[in-house]
Amino acid sequence: MRLDKYLKVSRLIKRRTVANEACDNGRVTLNGRVARASTEVNPGDIIGISFGDRTTQVEVLAVQETVHKESAKDLFRYV
């Protein structure tokens, strides 16, 4: 699954266009490297997202195309 779509489906970022812009501006890393929106995400990957002066890191636990709002938190865990 594409990184921008995963960020939206997992609800780490609310909209896919915002996720796409964050990737274009270099605010999203995948396994320690700046990632493009089209980068493939797999279970076990570490995603880092910079929001202003703080950085959030999560580990990908599962990749699903669609998920209910309540179970979106089961797709990742904070590192």
C-alpha atoms as a PDB file:
ATOM      1  CA  MET A   1       0.000   0.000   0.000  1.00  0.00           C
ATOM      2  CA  ARG A   2       1.193   3.534  -0.730  1.00  0.00           C
ATOM      3  CA  LEU A   3       2.500   5.542   2.212  1.00  0.00           C
ATOM      4  CA  ASP A   4       0.050   8.429   1.772  1.00  0.00           C
ATOM      5  CA  LYS A   5      -2.914   6.046   1.642  1.00  0.00           C
ATOM      6  CA  TYR A   6      -1.682   4.159   4.730  1.00  0.00           C
ATOM      7  CA  LEU A   7      -1.403   7.403   6.691  1.00  0.00           C
ATOM      8  CA  LYS A   8      -5.021   8.195   5.803  1.00  0.00           C
ATOM      9  CA  VAL A   9      -6.429   4.692   6.408  1.00  0.00           C
ATOM     10  CA  SER A  10      -4.673   4.402   9.781  1.00  0.00           C
ATOM     11  CA  ARG A  11      -5.912   7.903  10.648  1.00  0.00           C
ATOM     12  CA  LEU A  12      -2.445   9.181  11.516  1.00  0.00           C
ATOM     13  CA  ILE A  13      -3.207  12.014   9.078  1.00  0.00           C
ATOM     14  CA  LYS A  14      -6.860  12.848   8.389  1.00  0.00           C
ATOM     15  CA  ARG A  15      -6.758  13.465   4.626  1.00  0.00           C
ATOM     16  CA  ARG A  16      -4.745  11.849   1.860  1.00  0.00           C
ATOM     17  CA  THR A  17      -3.920  15.197   0.252  1.00  0.00           C
ATOM     18  CA  VAL A  18      -2.439  16.399   3.543  1.00  0.00           C
ATOM     19  CA  ALA A  19      -0.442  13.153   3.798  1.00  0.00           C
ATOM     20  CA  ASN A  20       0.765  13.653   0.228  1.00  0.00           C
ATOM     21  CA  GLU A  21       1.885  17.226   0.985  1.00  0.00           C
ATOM     22  CA  ALA A  22       3.675  16.103   4.160  1.00  0.00           C
ATOM     23  CA  CYS A  23       5.613  13.524   2.134  1.00  0.00           C
ATOM     24  CA  ASP A  24       6.457  16.088  -0.562  1.00  0.00           C
ATOM     25  CA  ASN A  25       7.795  18.495   2.084  1.00  0.00           C
ATOM     26  CA  GLY A  26      10.064  15.839   3.617  1.00  0.00           C
ATOM     27  CA  ARG A  27       8.170  15.581   6.904  1.00  0.00           C
ATOM     28  CA  VAL A  28       7.599  11.812   6.683  1.00  0.00           C
ATOM     29  CA  THR A  29      10.335   9.202   7.029  1.00  0.00           C
ATOM     30  CA  LEU A  30      10.156   5.472   6.466  1.00  0.00           C
ATOM     31  CA  ASN A  31      12.802   3.382   8.249  1.00  0.00           C
ATOM     32  CA  GLY A  32      14.957   6.475   8.813  1.00  0.00           C
ATOM     33  CA  ARG A  33      14.873   7.782   5.234  1.00  0.00           C
ATOM     34  CA  VAL A  34      12.751  10.594   3.822  1.00  0.00           C
ATOM     35  CA  ALA A  35       9.940   8.880   1.938  1.00  0.00           C
ATOM     36  CA  ARG A  36       7.863   9.803  -1.082  1.00  0.00           C
ATOM     37  CA  ALA A  37       4.087   9.382  -1.033  1.00  0.00           C
ATOM     38  CA  SER A  38       4.314   6.454  -3.461  1.00  0.00           C
ATOM     39  CA  THR A  39       6.647   4.394  -1.262  1.00  0.00           C
ATOM     40  CA  GLU A  40       5.275   0.955  -0.380  1.00  0.00           C
ATOM     41  CA  VAL A  41       4.524   0.298   3.308  1.00  0.00           C
ATOM     42  CA  ASN A  42       4.932  -3.175   4.813  1.00  0.00           C
ATOM     43  CA  PRO A  43       4.375  -4.576   8.317  1.00  0.00           C
ATOM     44  CA  GLY A  44       7.402  -3.938  10.517  1.00  0.00           C
ATOM     45  CA  ASP A  45       8.291  -0.587   8.916  1.00  0.00           C
ATOM     46  CA  ILE A  46       8.884   2.441  11.153  1.00  0.00           C
ATOM     47  CA  ILE A  47       7.171   5.664  10.055  1.00  0.00           C
ATOM     48  CA  GLY A  48       8.258   9.032  11.461  1.00  0.00           C
ATOM     49  CA  ILE A  49       6.040  12.093  11.062  1.00  0.00           C
ATOM     50  CA  SER A  50       7.196  15.608  11.972  1.00  0.00           C
ATOM     51  CA  PHE A  51       4.443  17.874  13.275  1.00  0.00           C
ATOM     52  CA  GLY A  52       6.015  21.269  13.927  1.00  0.00           C
ATOM     53  CA  ASP A  53       8.624  20.781  16.650  1.00  0.00           C
ATOM     54  CA  ARG A  54       7.657  17.221  17.637  1.00  0.00           C
ATOM     55  CA  THR A  55       8.137  13.923  15.852  1.00  0.00           C
ATOM     56  CA  THR A  56       5.857  10.921  16.145  1.00  0.00           C
ATOM     57  CA  GLN A  57       7.185   7.452  15.351  1.00  0.00           C
ATOM     58  CA  VAL A  58       4.978   4.422  14.786  1.00  0.00           C
ATOM     59  CA  GLU A  59       5.587   0.819  13.809  1.00  0.00           C
ATOM     60  CA  VAL A  60       3.338  -0.632  11.119  1.00  0.00           C
ATOM     61  CA  LEU A  61       1.591  -3.736  12.461  1.00  0.00           C
ATOM     62  CA  ALA A  62      -0.826  -4.436   9.601  1.00  0.00           C
ATOM     63  CA  VAL A  63      -1.705  -3.101   6.165  1.00  0.00           C
ATOM     64  CA  GLN A  64      -5.383  -3.119   5.135  1.00  0.00           C
ATOM     65  CA  GLU A  65      -7.143  -1.307   2.301  1.00  0.00           C
ATOM     66  CA  THR A  66     -10.181  -0.386   4.378  1.00  0.00           C
ATOM     67  CA  VAL A  67     -10.739  -0.366   8.113  1.00  0.00           C
ATOM     68  CA  HIS A  68     -13.393   0.875  10.526  1.00  0.00           C
ATOM     69  CA  LYS A  69     -12.645   3.922  12.625  1.00  0.00           C
ATOM     70  CA  GLU A  70     -12.583   1.912  15.861  1.00  0.00           C
ATOM     71  CA  SER A  71     -10.034  -0.620  14.591  1.00  0.00           C
ATOM     72  CA  ALA A  72      -7.726   1.871  12.850  1.00  0.00           C
ATOM     73  CA  LYS A  73      -5.570   2.063  15.991  1.00  0.00           C
ATOM     74  CA  ASP A  74      -4.758  -1.657  15.593  1.00  0.00           C
ATOM     75  CA  LEU A  75      -2.802  -0.962  12.377  1.00  0.00           C
ATOM     76  CA  PHE A  76       0.132   0.634  14.215  1.00  0.00           C
ATOM     77  CA  ARG A  77       1.766   1.103  17.592  1.00  0.00           C
ATOM     78  CA  TYR A  78       3.685   4.112  18.899  1.00  0.00           C
ATOM     79  CA  VAL A  79       7.431   3.634  19.325  1.00  0.00           C
END
